[in-house]
């Protein structure tokens, strides 16, 4: 799913509005919760400013493509690690069998 800069701006503005309301009207939040809300607001404000200064409408499309590529690469890593784990299990079984045979001598 690709997101245009306009959609991203709209979503960020909506999220910021919600967070501003939480920040101003929520009572009884712990200091950690207050800090988390402030951190989220800061991050969204920074992202909003980055979108305002982004060059061209394709910047979020590029990010989406990069995520797709990263997912593909991570899937490859998972498959390779699974194959290595299976090889280790097979090697352990073989070594176990050899150990049992060597105990006979």
Protein backbone atom coordinates (compact mmCIF):
# COMPACT_ATOMS: atom_id res chain seq x y z
CA UNK A 1 0.00 0.00 0.00
CA UNK A 2 1.51 3.30 -1.00
CA UNK A 3 0.78 6.52 0.83
CA UNK A 4 0.96 9.89 -0.86
CA UNK A 5 2.49 12.84 0.96
CA UNK A 6 -0.97 14.44 1.25
CA UNK A 7 -2.42 11.33 2.92
CA UNK A 8 0.61 11.12 5.19
CA UNK A 9 0.20 14.78 6.18
CA UNK A 10 -3.50 14.25 6.91
CA UNK A 11 -2.81 11.17 9.02
CA UNK A 12 -0.05 12.91 10.94
CA UNK A 13 -2.27 15.94 11.60
CA UNK A 14 -5.06 13.67 12.87
CA UNK A 15 -2.66 11.74 15.09
CA UNK A 16 -1.15 14.96 16.42
CA UNK A 17 -4.62 16.29 17.24
CA UNK A 18 -5.38 13.13 19.19
CA UNK A 19 -2.07 13.28 21.04
CA UNK A 20 -2.49 16.97 21.86
CA UNK A 21 -5.90 16.17 23.38
CA UNK A 22 -4.42 13.30 25.38
CA UNK A 23 -1.59 15.54 26.57
CA UNK A 24 -3.90 18.36 27.67
CA UNK A 25 -6.93 16.51 29.01
CA UNK A 26 -5.71 13.22 30.44
CA UNK A 27 -5.28 13.19 34.17
CA UNK A 28 -3.53 10.63 36.26
CA UNK A 29 -0.90 9.70 33.70
CA UNK A 30 2.41 8.52 35.08
CA UNK A 31 5.52 10.49 34.23
CA UNK A 32 6.56 7.68 31.88
CA UNK A 33 3.22 7.93 30.06
CA UNK A 34 3.50 11.72 29.83
CA UNK A 35 7.02 11.34 28.48
CA UNK A 36 5.87 8.77 25.91
CA UNK A 37 3.11 11.09 24.69
CA UNK A 38 5.56 14.01 24.40
CA UNK A 39 8.06 11.82 22.55
CA UNK A 40 5.36 10.68 20.12
CA UNK A 41 4.30 14.28 19.53
CA UNK A 42 7.89 15.35 18.89
CA UNK A 43 8.45 12.49 16.46
CA UNK A 44 5.25 13.24 14.54
CA UNK A 45 6.02 16.95 14.41
CA UNK A 46 9.47 16.16 13.02
CA UNK A 47 7.98 13.81 10.43
CA UNK A 48 5.41 16.44 9.44
CA UNK A 49 8.17 19.01 8.93
CA UNK A 50 10.13 16.48 6.89
CA UNK A 51 7.12 15.96 4.63
CA UNK A 52 6.69 19.70 4.17
CA UNK A 53 10.27 19.97 2.94
CA UNK A 54 10.29 16.68 1.00
CA UNK A 55 11.18 16.90 -2.65
CA UNK A 56 8.39 15.65 -4.82
CA UNK A 57 5.34 13.50 -4.28
CA UNK A 58 7.21 10.22 -4.64
CA UNK A 59 9.10 10.34 -1.37
CA UNK A 60 6.65 8.12 0.53
CA UNK A 61 6.37 5.81 -2.47
CA UNK A 62 10.14 5.41 -2.30
CA UNK A 63 9.95 4.61 1.41
CA UNK A 64 7.23 2.03 0.74
CA UNK A 65 9.39 0.39 -1.92
CA UNK A 66 12.36 0.32 0.46
CA UNK A 67 10.22 -1.42 3.09
CA UNK A 68 9.12 -4.01 0.53
CA UNK A 69 12.75 -4.63 -0.42
CA UNK A 70 13.76 -4.87 3.24
CA UNK A 71 10.96 -7.36 3.91
CA UNK A 72 12.10 -9.50 1.01
CA UNK A 73 15.67 -9.45 2.30
CA UNK A 74 14.53 -10.30 5.83
CA UNK A 75 12.47 -13.21 4.49
CA UNK A 76 15.61 -14.49 2.77
CA UNK A 77 17.57 -14.21 6.02
CA UNK A 78 14.86 -16.10 7.90
CA UNK A 79 14.93 -18.88 5.29
CA UNK A 80 18.72 -19.09 5.46
CA UNK A 81 18.70 -19.22 9.26
CA UNK A 82 16.07 -21.94 9.21
CA UNK A 83 18.22 -23.96 6.80
CA UNK A 84 21.26 -23.48 9.05
CA UNK A 85 19.27 -24.54 12.11
CA UNK A 86 18.10 -27.67 10.29
CA UNK A 87 21.70 -28.41 9.28
CA UNK A 88 22.82 -28.11 12.90
CA UNK A 89 20.08 -30.50 14.01
CA UNK A 90 21.11 -32.99 11.32
CA UNK A 91 24.78 -32.65 12.28
CA UNK A 92 23.94 -33.17 15.95
CA UNK A 93 22.01 -36.34 15.11
CA UNK A 94 24.90 -37.66 13.02
CA UNK A 95 27.40 -36.87 15.79
CA UNK A 96 25.13 -38.56 18.30
CA UNK A 97 25.00 -41.69 16.15
CA UNK A 98 28.77 -41.69 15.63
CA UNK A 99 29.31 -41.26 19.37
CA UNK A 100 27.12 -44.28 20.06
CA UNK A 101 29.05 -46.37 17.52
CA UNK A 102 32.41 -45.27 18.94
CA UNK A 103 31.28 -46.26 22.44
CA UNK A 104 31.06 -49.83 21.17
CA UNK A 105 34.84 -49.96 20.63
